[in-house]
Amino acid sequence: MAEVGEVIEGCRLPVLRRNQDNEDEWPLAEILSVKDISGRKLFYVHYIDFNKRLDEWVTHERLDLKKIQFPKKEAKTPTKNGLPGSRPGSPEREVPASAQASGKTLPIPVQITLRFNLPKEREAIPGGEPDQPLSSSSCLQPNHRSTKRKVEVVSPATPVPSETAPASVFPQVSPPISPYFLLFSGCSFGRLSQPLLVFQNGSARRAVAAQPGRKRKSNCLGTDEDSQDSSDGIPSAPRMTGSLVSDRSHDDIVTRMKNIECIELGRHRLKPWYFSPYPQELTTLPVLYLCEFCLKYGRSLKCLQRHLTKCDLRHPPGNEIYRKGTISFFEIDGRKNKSYSQNLCLLAKCFLDHKTLYYDTDPFLFYVMTEYDCKGFHIVGYFSKEKESTEDYNVACILTLPPYQRRGYGKLLIEFSYELSKVEGKTGTPEKPLSDLGLLSYRSYWSQTILEILMGLKSESGERPQITINEISEITSIKKEDVISTLQYLNLINYYKGQYILTLSEDIVDGHERAMLKRLLRIDSKCLHFTPKDWSKRGKW
């Protein structure tokens, strides 16, 4: 059995934890970091195949040192073109020694050859026709139009030409540019020694101030080529406008670990789930204090109390565009209210794992949902959207704060985003990828909304009622791909006598009626006071 002092970063071993049923279990976990506090070692563990929000610091008593797997040393391996290469070994990738000693034959992996037909020029490609037939796979995958990929699966018995080297398949590209997290300046009410830092590849650098006279380029070519995970396999620089999707290939040990212990926001104390790039000086505090109205952060309760005597806000900045009962929505322009928008992004990053923070909030609108009482309008959740979206996204980020989850506020945010799309006369879809909780909420909303439409259809002259995918999309403002994927998820589409029909079983109808009885919070379109703007005119910015 290994000793506690031998446990290092990269080791894998079972770790004791309590599950939802309050029972002990020993899932496999990876050691991400080790620290020593007052002579006692603590280990930051990530449970394999579990969400990162369950990561935590544990003591050595919870480690099963009998089944520890030490990280493999990096082995130098020659590449096809003769240049030296290296890859880090892992417990899963190494061939078991027992299999080699016993003479067992390991299964031969299927060889896959990817061939890319790269375009000669990178240019925006207009979308397809609205009535173009959709495949089932297109409903769940991002819409990459810039290249065509041909995947050939070669069986083990088929000889693979040896001259097909990776260099001939993939173009020579420069080293990828890593996305970065930017710490915003001027957003705290405490004095920080270095408020503006850029984290790039795990190292901190002083950020270069933006030139005041420099204009931002128009996003007229904001297709998939501009995104981080471009469809032709060539990494591009992170764009300052548009998508906030994080490129997970550049995760490092810094961003994989939670850096904030606890956040006090109004009457709630929140336990962050993920990394958020707050200033380094604040990561060692037991509690980070936030003003619940302007979201500025400070290092102590005294700083917060002093700030509250000066802060005049009792609601989010911006225009109140919806109010019914105690629920209100405020529309906030990321350019006009930059400080609030940046602080909101910092707070949201504590609970969103698939998004990246950029300093430029100008291209975004933020819709903050609040709950009103005698003390003011308290933030419940929010969603953001691009002012101009080339992919018909009506949501970039969406979040319900943990104290308000499982109370129907998530569906209310989603319903409000589609209500805005109805006023704009567009169909919309959320930006992918969705988080696990976001996917559940959207699937539930899409299912309930579509079933509500189908069950409300009335037959004429005794015939079966008829409706098309386009009609469902126009009524609900849900994009056609999402409508089709939801119908397939519910298993409602059947092929009968040469045509596709929708079949509603009694179980689906009963389940939908029970779900709608629990859904008490709904958006009332009469209470919405919203006028869409044409953001293509630069004067609107």
Protein backbone atom coordinates (compact mmCIF):
# COMPACT_ATOMS: atom_id res chain seq x y z
CA MET A 1 0.00 0.00 0.00
CA ALA A 2 1.27 3.48 -0.92
CA GLU A 3 2.02 6.13 1.68
CA VAL A 4 0.23 9.47 1.88
CA GLY A 5 3.44 11.28 0.95
CA GLU A 6 3.58 9.37 -2.35
CA VAL A 7 0.24 10.72 -3.59
CA ILE A 8 0.96 13.36 -6.24
CA GLU A 9 -0.95 15.24 -8.91
CA GLY A 10 -2.22 12.96 -11.65
CA CYS A 11 -2.75 9.91 -9.42
CA ARG A 12 -6.04 8.07 -9.67
CA LEU A 13 -7.62 6.17 -6.83
CA PRO A 14 -11.03 5.51 -5.22
CA VAL A 15 -12.26 8.31 -2.94
CA LEU A 16 -15.02 8.09 -0.35
CA ARG A 17 -18.07 10.30 -0.91
CA ARG A 18 -21.77 10.41 -0.06
CA ASN A 19 -24.28 10.01 -2.88
CA GLN A 20 -27.78 11.47 -3.17
CA ASP A 21 -29.20 8.66 -1.05
CA ASN A 22 -26.72 9.52 1.73
CA GLU A 23 -24.89 6.25 1.13
CA ASP A 24 -21.12 5.79 1.02
CA GLU A 25 -19.52 5.03 -2.33
CA TRP A 26 -15.96 4.85 -3.67
CA PRO A 27 -15.85 6.32 -7.21
CA LEU A 28 -12.56 6.61 -9.06
CA ALA A 29 -11.08 10.12 -8.80
CA GLU A 30 -8.06 12.00 -10.10
CA ILE A 31 -5.81 14.12 -7.88
CA LEU A 32 -5.62 17.60 -9.42
CA SER A 33 -3.75 19.43 -6.66
CA VAL A 34 -2.13 18.88 -3.27
CA LYS A 35 -1.68 21.48 -0.55
CA ASP A 36 -0.37 21.46 3.00
CA ILE A 37 -2.21 23.42 5.71
CA SER A 38 -0.70 23.40 9.21
CA GLY A 39 1.11 20.14 8.51
CA ARG A 40 -2.05 18.43 7.18
CA LYS A 41 -2.29 17.47 3.52
CA LEU A 42 -5.41 18.18 1.50
CA PHE A 43 -6.11 16.75 -1.95
CA TYR A 44 -8.29 18.35 -4.63
CA VAL A 45 -10.05 15.49 -6.44
CA HIS A 46 -12.12 15.24 -9.61
CA TYR A 47 -14.46 12.26 -9.70
CA ILE A 48 -14.12 10.51 -13.05
CA ASP A 49 -17.38 10.47 -15.07
CA PHE A 50 -18.95 12.93 -12.59
CA ASN A 51 -19.71 16.61 -13.15
CA LYS A 52 -16.94 19.01 -12.18
CA ARG A 53 -19.18 20.80 -9.68
CA LEU A 54 -18.73 17.80 -7.36
CA ASP A 55 -14.94 18.33 -7.19
CA GLU A 56 -13.72 19.02 -3.67
CA TRP A 57 -10.83 19.08 -1.22
CA VAL A 58 -10.53 15.88 0.82
CA THR A 59 -8.25 14.55 3.53
CA HIS A 60 -6.14 11.42 3.24
CA GLU A 61 -8.65 9.46 5.36
CA ARG A 62 -11.02 9.39 2.37
CA LEU A 63 -8.42 7.99 -0.05
CA ASP A 64 -8.13 4.28 -0.82
CA LEU A 65 -4.35 4.02 -1.11
CA LYS A 66 -4.50 0.29 -1.84
CA LYS A 67 -5.83 0.86 -5.37
CA ILE A 68 -3.79 3.90 -6.36
CA GLN A 69 -2.73 4.34 -10.00
CA PHE A 70 0.35 6.50 -10.45
CA PRO A 71 0.66 8.70 -13.56
CA LYS A 72 2.82 7.26 -16.31
CA LYS A 73 5.99 9.04 -17.28
CA GLU A 74 5.98 10.80 -20.63
CA ALA A 75 7.46 8.52 -23.27
CA LYS A 76 9.17 9.85 -26.36
CA THR A 77 7.55 8.40 -29.47
CA PRO A 78 8.70 8.91 -33.06
CA THR A 79 6.20 10.35 -35.48
CA LYS A 80 5.54 9.54 -39.11
CA ASN A 81 7.64 12.39 -40.46
CA GLY A 82 10.61 11.50 -38.29
CA LEU A 83 10.27 14.38 -35.83
CA PRO A 84 10.38 13.49 -32.16
CA GLY A 85 7.06 13.55 -30.39
CA SER A 86 5.79 12.90 -26.91
CA ARG A 87 2.50 12.03 -25.37
CA PRO A 88 1.61 11.76 -21.69
CA GLY A 89 0.73 8.27 -20.69
CA SER A 90 -2.41 7.52 -18.71
CA PRO A 91 -3.64 4.45 -16.83
CA GLU A 92 -6.29 3.79 -19.48
CA ARG A 93 -4.03 4.03 -22.53
CA GLU A 94 -1.25 1.73 -21.40
CA VAL A 95 -1.39 -1.93 -22.43
CA PRO A 96 -1.82 -4.11 -19.31
CA ALA A 97 1.29 -6.07 -18.51
CA SER A 98 -0.79 -9.07 -17.46
CA ALA A 99 -2.25 -9.33 -20.95
CA GLN A 100 1.20 -9.30 -22.53
CA ALA A 101 2.57 -11.90 -20.12
CA SER A 102 -0.33 -14.27 -20.60
CA GLY A 103 -0.10 -14.07 -24.37
CA LYS A 104 -3.69 -12.89 -24.78
CA THR A 105 -4.63 -11.26 -28.04
CA LEU A 106 -5.94 -7.74 -27.58
CA PRO A 107 -8.80 -6.56 -29.81
CA ILE A 108 -7.67 -4.73 -32.93
CA PRO A 109 -9.11 -1.19 -33.03
CA VAL A 110 -11.01 -0.09 -36.10
CA GLN A 111 -8.95 2.35 -38.13
CA ILE A 112 -10.68 5.55 -39.18
CA THR A 113 -9.31 7.80 -41.88
CA LEU A 114 -10.54 11.38 -41.95
CA ARG A 115 -10.22 13.23 -45.22
CA PHE A 116 -10.87 16.94 -45.34
CA ASN A 117 -11.81 18.87 -48.45
CA LEU A 118 -10.58 22.28 -47.36
CA PRO A 119 -11.97 25.30 -49.21
CA LYS A 120 -9.52 27.48 -51.08
CA GLU A 121 -10.86 30.62 -49.46
CA ARG A 122 -12.50 31.16 -46.09
CA GLU A 123 -15.74 32.91 -46.79
CA ALA A 124 -19.19 33.08 -45.32
CA ILE A 125 -21.60 30.58 -46.78
CA PRO A 126 -25.26 31.55 -46.74
CA GLY A 127 -27.72 29.20 -45.08
CA GLY A 128 -29.75 26.61 -46.92
CA GLU A 129 -33.32 26.90 -48.11
CA PRO A 130 -35.97 26.91 -45.37
CA ASP A 131 -37.71 23.83 -46.72
CA GLN A 132 -34.53 21.81 -47.08
CA PRO A 133 -34.98 18.27 -45.68
CA LEU A 134 -33.31 17.71 -42.33
CA SER A 135 -31.51 14.59 -41.21
CA SER A 136 -31.89 13.31 -37.68
CA SER A 137 -28.23 13.98 -36.88
CA SER A 138 -28.46 17.62 -37.92
CA CYS A 139 -30.84 18.32 -35.06
CA LEU A 140 -28.30 17.67 -32.34
CA GLN A 141 -25.01 18.71 -33.90
CA PRO A 142 -23.67 22.24 -34.42
CA ASN A 143 -24.22 23.60 -37.90
CA HIS A 144 -20.73 23.73 -39.45
CA ARG A 145 -20.96 24.79 -43.05
CA SER A 146 -17.44 25.88 -43.87
CA THR A 147 -16.08 22.47 -44.88
CA LYS A 148 -17.18 19.04 -45.99
CA ARG A 149 -15.87 16.04 -44.15
CA LYS A 150 -15.73 12.57 -45.52
CA VAL A 151 -15.33 9.81 -42.94
CA GLU A 152 -14.27 6.40 -44.12
CA VAL A 153 -14.32 3.46 -41.74
CA VAL A 154 -11.73 0.90 -42.76
CA SER A 155 -12.10 -2.61 -41.42
CA PRO A 156 -9.04 -4.33 -39.86
CA ALA A 157 -8.84 -6.75 -42.78
CA THR A 158 -8.47 -3.93 -45.29
CA PRO A 159 -4.83 -2.94 -45.82
CA VAL A 160 -4.19 0.74 -45.13
CA PRO A 161 -1.63 2.41 -47.43
CA SER A 162 1.47 3.23 -45.47
CA GLU A 163 2.13 6.43 -47.40
CA THR A 164 -1.06 8.00 -45.98
CA ALA A 165 0.67 9.94 -43.26
CA PRO A 166 -1.05 12.47 -41.02
CA ALA A 167 0.97 15.19 -42.72
CA SER A 168 -0.75 14.43 -46.03
CA VAL A 169 -4.23 14.46 -44.51
CA PHE A 170 -4.03 17.44 -42.18
CA PRO A 171 -2.57 20.77 -43.29
CA GLN A 172 0.44 22.22 -41.51
CA VAL A 173 -0.82 24.79 -39.06
CA SER A 174 0.79 27.07 -36.53
CA PRO A 175 0.49 26.29 -32.81
CA PRO A 176 -3.06 26.93 -31.54
CA ILE A 177 -3.82 30.21 -29.88
CA SER A 178 -5.16 29.57 -26.41
CA PRO A 179 -8.31 31.33 -25.27
CA TYR A 180 -7.86 33.47 -22.22
CA PHE A 181 -9.70 34.61 -19.17
CA LEU A 182 -9.62 38.32 -18.52
CA LEU A 183 -10.00 39.92 -15.13
CA PHE A 184 -12.00 43.07 -15.42
CA SER A 185 -10.85 46.37 -13.95
CA GLY A 186 -12.99 48.93 -12.20
CA CYS A 187 -15.64 46.43 -11.09
CA SER A 188 -14.86 46.02 -7.39
CA PHE A 189 -15.38 48.25 -4.40
CA GLY A 190 -12.15 47.02 -2.77
CA ARG A 191 -8.67 48.18 -3.69
CA LEU A 192 -6.69 45.54 -5.55
CA SER A 193 -2.99 45.71 -6.28
CA GLN A 194 -3.27 44.20 -9.80
CA PRO A 195 -6.87 44.34 -10.96
CA LEU A 196 -6.15 43.57 -14.61
CA LEU A 197 -4.48 40.26 -15.51
CA VAL A 198 -4.68 37.87 -18.41
CA PHE A 199 -4.45 34.12 -17.80
CA GLN A 200 -3.00 32.38 -20.82
CA ASN A 201 -1.77 28.78 -20.72
CA GLY A 202 -1.81 28.92 -16.94
CA SER A 203 0.51 31.93 -16.65
CA ALA A 204 -0.44 35.44 -15.60
CA ARG A 205 0.43 38.45 -17.72
CA ARG A 206 -0.28 42.14 -17.57
CA ALA A 207 -3.07 42.97 -20.00
CA VAL A 208 -2.57 45.58 -22.69
CA ALA A 209 -5.11 48.36 -22.55
CA ALA A 210 -7.32 48.73 -25.58
CA GLN A 211 -6.64 51.67 -27.86
CA PRO A 212 -9.37 54.26 -27.36
CA GLY A 213 -9.51 55.29 -31.01
CA ARG A 214 -9.66 51.78 -32.40
CA LYS A 215 -12.95 50.64 -33.91
CA ARG A 216 -14.26 47.14 -33.65
CA LYS A 217 -14.77 45.27 -36.90
CA SER A 218 -18.27 44.49 -38.00
CA ASN A 219 -19.39 40.91 -37.56
CA CYS A 220 -20.53 40.62 -41.15
CA LEU A 221 -18.54 37.43 -41.64
CA GLY A 222 -19.34 35.92 -38.26
CA THR A 223 -19.80 32.37 -39.46
CA ASP A 224 -18.38 29.21 -37.99
CA GLU A 225 -14.94 30.04 -39.33
CA ASP A 226 -14.63 32.70 -36.66
CA SER A 227 -15.44 30.42 -33.77
CA GLN A 228 -12.82 28.75 -31.65
CA ASP A 229 -13.56 25.15 -32.63
CA SER A 230 -13.70 25.86 -36.34
CA SER A 231 -15.06 23.11 -38.50
CA ASP A 232 -11.94 22.68 -40.60
CA GLY A 233 -9.79 21.69 -37.64
CA ILE A 234 -7.68 24.86 -37.73
CA PRO A 235 -7.83 26.64 -34.38
CA SER A 236 -8.46 30.35 -34.69
CA ALA A 237 -8.08 33.22 -32.28
CA PRO A 238 -11.00 33.76 -29.91
CA ARG A 239 -13.38 36.28 -31.33
CA MET A 240 -14.33 39.29 -29.28
CA THR A 241 -17.89 39.29 -30.56
CA GLY A 242 -20.49 36.58 -30.73
CA SER A 243 -20.15 33.18 -29.19
CA LEU A 244 -19.15 32.66 -25.57
CA VAL A 245 -18.62 28.91 -26.01
CA SER A 246 -15.49 27.69 -24.28
CA ASP A 247 -12.93 25.63 -26.19
CA ARG A 248 -12.46 22.74 -23.75
CA SER A 249 -9.25 21.56 -25.44
CA HIS A 250 -7.29 24.30 -23.68
CA ASP A 251 -8.32 23.48 -20.11
CA ASP A 252 -5.41 23.61 -17.70
CA ILE A 253 -4.97 22.83 -14.03
CA VAL A 254 -5.85 26.41 -13.05
CA THR A 255 -9.26 26.54 -14.70
CA ARG A 256 -10.17 22.97 -13.68
CA MET A 257 -10.21 23.89 -10.00
CA LYS A 258 -12.72 26.02 -8.12
CA ASN A 259 -10.95 29.11 -6.87
CA ILE A 260 -13.72 30.80 -4.84
CA GLU A 261 -14.75 29.17 -1.57
CA CYS A 262 -18.04 30.97 -0.90
CA ILE A 263 -20.02 33.97 -2.20
CA GLU A 264 -22.40 36.08 -0.13
CA LEU A 265 -25.07 37.67 -2.33
CA GLY A 266 -27.78 39.44 -0.39
CA ARG A 267 -29.40 37.03 2.04
CA HIS A 268 -27.88 33.97 0.33
CA ARG A 269 -24.50 32.28 0.59
CA LEU A 270 -23.56 30.45 -2.59
CA LYS A 271 -21.07 27.64 -3.03
CA PRO A 272 -19.46 28.05 -6.49
CA TRP A 273 -19.35 25.05 -8.80
CA TYR A 274 -16.59 26.03 -11.20
CA PHE A 275 -13.62 28.32 -11.76
CA SER A 276 -14.25 32.03 -12.25
CA PRO A 277 -11.47 34.52 -13.00
CA TYR A 278 -11.90 36.83 -10.04
CA PRO A 279 -8.69 38.63 -8.98
CA GLN A 280 -6.09 36.41 -7.37
CA GLU A 281 -6.21 38.38 -4.11
CA LEU A 282 -9.83 37.30 -3.56
CA THR A 283 -9.34 33.57 -4.06
CA THR A 284 -7.80 33.07 -0.62
CA LEU A 285 -10.74 34.63 1.23
CA PRO A 286 -13.22 32.39 3.05
CA VAL A 287 -16.13 34.50 1.75
CA LEU A 288 -16.39 36.85 -1.24
CA TYR A 289 -18.97 39.61 -0.67
CA LEU A 290 -21.09 40.89 -3.57
CA CYS A 291 -23.53 43.78 -3.73
CA GLU A 292 -26.75 42.12 -4.88
CA PHE A 293 -27.83 45.17 -6.90
CA CYS A 294 -24.68 46.26 -8.80
CA LEU A 295 -22.79 42.93 -8.30
CA LYS A 296 -19.51 44.64 -7.39
CA TYR A 297 -17.27 42.50 -5.22
CA GLY A 298 -15.25 43.13 -2.07
CA ARG A 299 -13.01 41.33 0.34
CA SER A 300 -14.86 41.85 3.65
CA LEU A 301 -18.26 42.52 5.17
CA LYS A 302 -17.07 45.96 6.27
CA CYS A 303 -16.21 46.85 2.67
CA LEU A 304 -19.68 45.71 1.60
CA GLN A 305 -21.42 47.76 4.30
CA ARG A 306 -19.44 50.84 3.36
CA HIS A 307 -20.31 50.28 -0.31
CA LEU A 308 -24.04 49.92 0.43
CA THR A 309 -24.09 53.41 1.95
CA LYS A 310 -22.96 54.78 -1.44
CA CYS A 311 -24.76 52.43 -3.86
CA ASP A 312 -28.03 53.93 -5.05
CA LEU A 313 -29.18 50.95 -7.11
CA ARG A 314 -32.13 48.89 -5.89
CA HIS A 315 -32.63 47.11 -9.20
CA PRO A 316 -30.42 46.10 -12.15
CA PRO A 317 -29.50 48.98 -14.47
CA GLY A 318 -31.35 49.17 -17.76
CA ASN A 319 -35.00 49.14 -18.80
CA GLU A 320 -37.71 47.14 -17.06
CA ILE A 321 -39.54 45.49 -19.95
CA TYR A 322 -41.74 43.02 -18.05
CA ARG A 323 -43.52 42.93 -14.69
CA LYS A 324 -46.19 40.60 -13.39
CA GLY A 325 -46.67 40.19 -9.67
CA THR A 326 -43.24 40.14 -8.04
CA ILE A 327 -41.40 38.97 -11.19
CA SER A 328 -39.66 41.56 -13.36
CA PHE A 329 -37.25 41.44 -16.31
CA PHE A 330 -34.67 44.11 -17.05
CA GLU A 331 -32.95 44.56 -20.42
CA ILE A 332 -29.30 45.61 -20.02
CA ASP A 333 -27.08 46.73 -22.87
CA GLY A 334 -23.56 45.32 -22.54
CA ARG A 335 -22.12 48.50 -24.00
CA LYS A 336 -24.04 51.04 -21.91
CA ASN A 337 -23.69 49.10 -18.63
CA LYS A 338 -20.30 47.50 -19.10
CA SER A 339 -19.33 47.30 -15.41
CA TYR A 340 -22.54 45.53 -14.39
CA SER A 341 -22.39 43.18 -17.38
CA GLN A 342 -18.82 42.16 -16.61
CA ASN A 343 -19.61 41.55 -12.95
CA LEU A 344 -22.64 39.50 -13.97
CA CYS A 345 -20.44 37.36 -16.24
CA LEU A 346 -17.96 36.80 -13.41
CA LEU A 347 -20.75 35.63 -11.10
CA ALA A 348 -22.32 33.44 -13.76
CA LYS A 349 -19.00 31.75 -14.59
CA CYS A 350 -19.02 30.29 -11.05
CA PHE A 351 -21.96 28.12 -12.15
CA LEU A 352 -21.36 27.68 -15.90
CA ASP A 353 -18.64 25.35 -17.12
CA HIS A 354 -19.00 25.60 -20.92
CA LYS A 355 -18.58 29.33 -21.31
CA THR A 356 -15.61 31.66 -21.65
CA LEU A 357 -15.36 35.22 -20.36
CA TYR A 358 -14.28 37.99 -22.68
CA TYR A 359 -13.78 41.62 -21.78
CA ASP A 360 -15.97 42.79 -24.66
CA THR A 361 -19.61 42.73 -23.54
CA ASP A 362 -20.65 45.27 -26.21
CA PRO A 363 -22.20 42.72 -28.63
CA PHE A 364 -24.53 41.29 -25.97
CA LEU A 365 -27.83 42.08 -24.32
CA PHE A 366 -28.50 40.78 -20.83
CA TYR A 367 -31.99 40.01 -19.56
CA VAL A 368 -32.03 39.78 -15.75
CA MET A 369 -35.00 38.26 -13.94
CA THR A 370 -35.65 39.64 -10.47
CA GLU A 371 -37.99 39.06 -7.54
CA TYR A 372 -39.34 42.16 -5.82
CA ASP A 373 -39.80 42.83 -2.10
CA CYS A 374 -39.66 45.87 0.16
CA LYS A 375 -35.85 46.04 -0.07
CA GLY A 376 -35.60 46.04 -3.85
CA PHE A 377 -35.35 43.81 -6.91
CA HIS A 378 -33.26 40.72 -6.12
CA ILE A 379 -31.57 38.86 -8.96
CA VAL A 380 -32.96 35.37 -9.60
CA GLY A 381 -31.33 34.49 -12.91
CA TYR A 382 -30.50 35.85 -16.33
CA PHE A 383 -29.83 35.04 -19.93
CA SER A 384 -27.73 36.83 -22.51
CA LYS A 385 -28.09 37.01 -26.27
CA GLU A 386 -26.17 38.48 -29.17
CA LYS A 387 -27.42 41.70 -30.68
CA GLU A 388 -26.66 40.21 -34.10
CA SER A 389 -26.57 36.44 -34.39
CA THR A 390 -25.64 34.76 -37.65
CA GLU A 391 -26.80 31.38 -36.31
CA ASP A 392 -30.27 32.46 -35.05
CA TYR A 393 -29.21 32.13 -31.42
CA ASN A 394 -31.70 33.70 -29.02
CA VAL A 395 -29.69 32.71 -25.92
CA ALA A 396 -25.93 32.74 -25.38
CA CYS A 397 -25.75 32.02 -21.65
CA ILE A 398 -28.61 31.19 -19.30
CA LEU A 399 -28.49 30.69 -15.55
CA THR A 400 -30.79 30.38 -12.57
CA LEU A 401 -28.90 31.01 -9.35
CA PRO A 402 -28.76 27.93 -7.08
CA PRO A 403 -31.09 29.31 -4.34
CA TYR A 404 -33.86 29.66 -6.93
CA GLN A 405 -33.40 26.39 -8.82
CA ARG A 406 -36.09 23.68 -8.99
CA ARG A 407 -38.81 26.31 -8.57
CA GLY A 408 -39.80 26.85 -12.21
CA TYR A 409 -37.64 29.91 -12.85
CA GLY A 410 -35.49 28.14 -15.45
CA LYS A 411 -38.46 27.42 -17.72
CA LEU A 412 -39.66 30.97 -17.14
CA LEU A 413 -36.33 32.32 -18.47
CA ILE A 414 -36.53 30.02 -21.49
CA GLU A 415 -40.16 30.96 -22.17
CA PHE A 416 -39.26 34.66 -21.96
CA SER A 417 -36.44 34.24 -24.48
CA TYR A 418 -38.86 32.69 -26.97
CA GLU A 419 -41.43 35.39 -26.22
CA LEU A 420 -38.85 37.96 -27.32
CA SER A 421 -38.24 35.93 -30.49
CA LYS A 422 -41.98 36.01 -31.24
CA VAL A 423 -42.00 39.80 -30.97
CA GLU A 424 -38.94 39.95 -33.25
CA GLY A 425 -40.65 37.64 -35.74
CA LYS A 426 -37.82 35.09 -35.68
CA THR A 427 -37.20 31.51 -34.69
CA GLY A 428 -34.41 30.96 -32.19
CA THR A 429 -32.28 28.32 -30.55
CA PRO A 430 -29.86 28.34 -27.61
CA GLU A 431 -26.15 28.43 -28.25
CA LYS A 432 -24.53 25.01 -28.04
CA PRO A 433 -23.20 23.21 -26.12
CA LEU A 434 -25.75 23.28 -23.34
CA SER A 435 -24.82 22.31 -19.82
CA ASP A 436 -26.37 19.18 -18.34
CA LEU A 437 -28.95 21.18 -16.37
CA GLY A 438 -29.57 23.48 -19.33
CA LEU A 439 -30.22 20.55 -21.65
CA LEU A 440 -32.75 19.07 -19.22
CA SER A 441 -34.55 22.40 -18.90
CA TYR A 442 -34.71 23.00 -22.65
CA ARG A 443 -35.86 19.47 -23.45
CA SER A 444 -38.59 19.78 -20.86
CA TYR A 445 -39.69 23.19 -22.18
CA TRP A 446 -39.65 22.08 -25.82
CA SER A 447 -41.60 18.92 -24.98
CA GLN A 448 -44.28 20.74 -22.98
CA THR A 449 -44.64 23.53 -25.54
CA ILE A 450 -44.93 21.21 -28.55
CA LEU A 451 -47.31 18.82 -26.78
CA GLU A 452 -49.44 21.80 -25.76
CA ILE A 453 -49.74 22.74 -29.44
CA LEU A 454 -50.51 19.19 -30.58
CA MET A 455 -53.12 18.53 -27.90
CA GLY A 456 -54.83 21.82 -28.73
CA LEU A 457 -55.43 20.86 -32.36
CA LYS A 458 -59.08 20.33 -33.31
CA SER A 459 -60.21 17.98 -36.03
CA GLU A 460 -62.36 19.28 -38.86
CA SER A 461 -65.21 17.22 -40.34
CA GLY A 462 -64.11 14.13 -38.43
CA GLU A 463 -60.69 13.95 -40.04
CA ARG A 464 -57.42 13.80 -38.21
CA PRO A 465 -55.97 17.22 -37.45
CA GLN A 466 -52.92 18.13 -39.53
CA ILE A 467 -49.95 20.34 -38.78
CA THR A 468 -46.50 20.73 -40.29
CA ILE A 469 -43.08 21.19 -38.70
CA ASN A 470 -42.92 24.70 -40.14
CA GLU A 471 -46.24 25.61 -38.54
CA ILE A 472 -45.11 24.37 -35.13
CA SER A 473 -41.91 26.37 -35.52
CA GLU A 474 -43.81 29.54 -36.50
CA ILE A 475 -46.27 29.25 -33.60
CA THR A 476 -43.64 28.60 -30.92
CA SER A 477 -40.59 30.40 -32.44
CA ILE A 478 -38.63 27.19 -31.75
CA LYS A 479 -36.19 26.40 -34.53
CA LYS A 480 -37.15 23.51 -36.83
CA GLU A 481 -34.13 21.43 -35.84
CA ASP A 482 -35.16 21.63 -32.19
CA VAL A 483 -38.76 20.72 -33.04
CA ILE A 484 -37.65 17.62 -34.95
CA SER A 485 -35.17 16.54 -32.28
CA THR A 486 -37.86 16.91 -29.58
CA LEU A 487 -40.38 14.84 -31.55
CA GLN A 488 -37.72 12.18 -32.03
CA TYR A 489 -36.78 12.34 -28.34
CA LEU A 490 -40.45 11.79 -27.40
CA ASN A 491 -40.68 9.04 -30.05
CA LEU A 492 -43.79 10.61 -31.58
CA ILE A 493 -42.89 10.38 -35.28
CA ASN A 494 -44.07 7.24 -37.07
CA TYR A 495 -44.18 6.28 -40.75
CA TYR A 496 -47.63 5.03 -41.73
CA LYS A 497 -49.00 4.35 -45.26
CA GLY A 498 -46.45 6.49 -47.03
CA GLN A 499 -46.58 9.51 -44.72
CA TYR A 500 -45.23 10.63 -41.37
CA ILE A 501 -47.75 10.85 -38.56
CA LEU A 502 -47.51 11.95 -34.92
CA THR A 503 -48.86 9.48 -32.40
CA LEU A 504 -49.72 10.56 -28.86
CA SER A 505 -50.02 7.72 -26.38
CA GLU A 506 -52.04 7.90 -23.18
CA ASP A 507 -48.88 7.82 -21.08
CA ILE A 508 -47.48 10.88 -22.84
CA VAL A 509 -50.77 12.76 -22.52
CA ASP A 510 -51.14 11.91 -18.82
CA GLY A 511 -47.50 12.84 -18.10
CA HIS A 512 -47.91 16.15 -19.91
CA GLU A 513 -51.08 17.04 -17.99
CA ARG A 514 -49.40 16.28 -14.66
CA ALA A 515 -46.37 18.40 -15.62
CA MET A 516 -48.53 21.35 -16.66
CA LEU A 517 -50.36 21.29 -13.32
CA LYS A 518 -47.02 21.83 -11.56
CA ARG A 519 -45.98 24.63 -13.92
CA LEU A 520 -47.47 27.64 -12.17
CA LEU A 521 -45.13 30.35 -13.45
CA ARG A 522 -45.91 31.46 -17.02
CA ILE A 523 -45.05 34.49 -19.13
CA ASP A 524 -47.98 36.81 -19.86
CA SER A 525 -47.38 38.46 -23.23
CA LYS A 526 -49.67 41.34 -22.26
CA CYS A 527 -47.20 42.38 -19.56
CA LEU A 528 -44.29 42.56 -22.00
CA HIS A 529 -43.29 46.04 -23.18
CA PHE A 530 -40.52 45.38 -25.68
CA THR A 531 -39.59 47.00 -28.96
CA PRO A 532 -36.90 45.16 -30.97
CA LYS A 533 -34.07 47.19 -32.46
CA ASP A 534 -32.24 46.78 -35.74
CA TRP A 535 -28.71 46.21 -34.45
CA SER A 536 -27.30 45.95 -37.97
CA LYS A 537 -27.21 49.76 -37.97
CA ARG A 538 -24.01 50.66 -36.16
CA GLY A 539 -25.55 53.85 -34.82
CA LYS A 540 -27.71 51.74 -32.49
CA TRP A 541 -24.59 50.57 -30.66
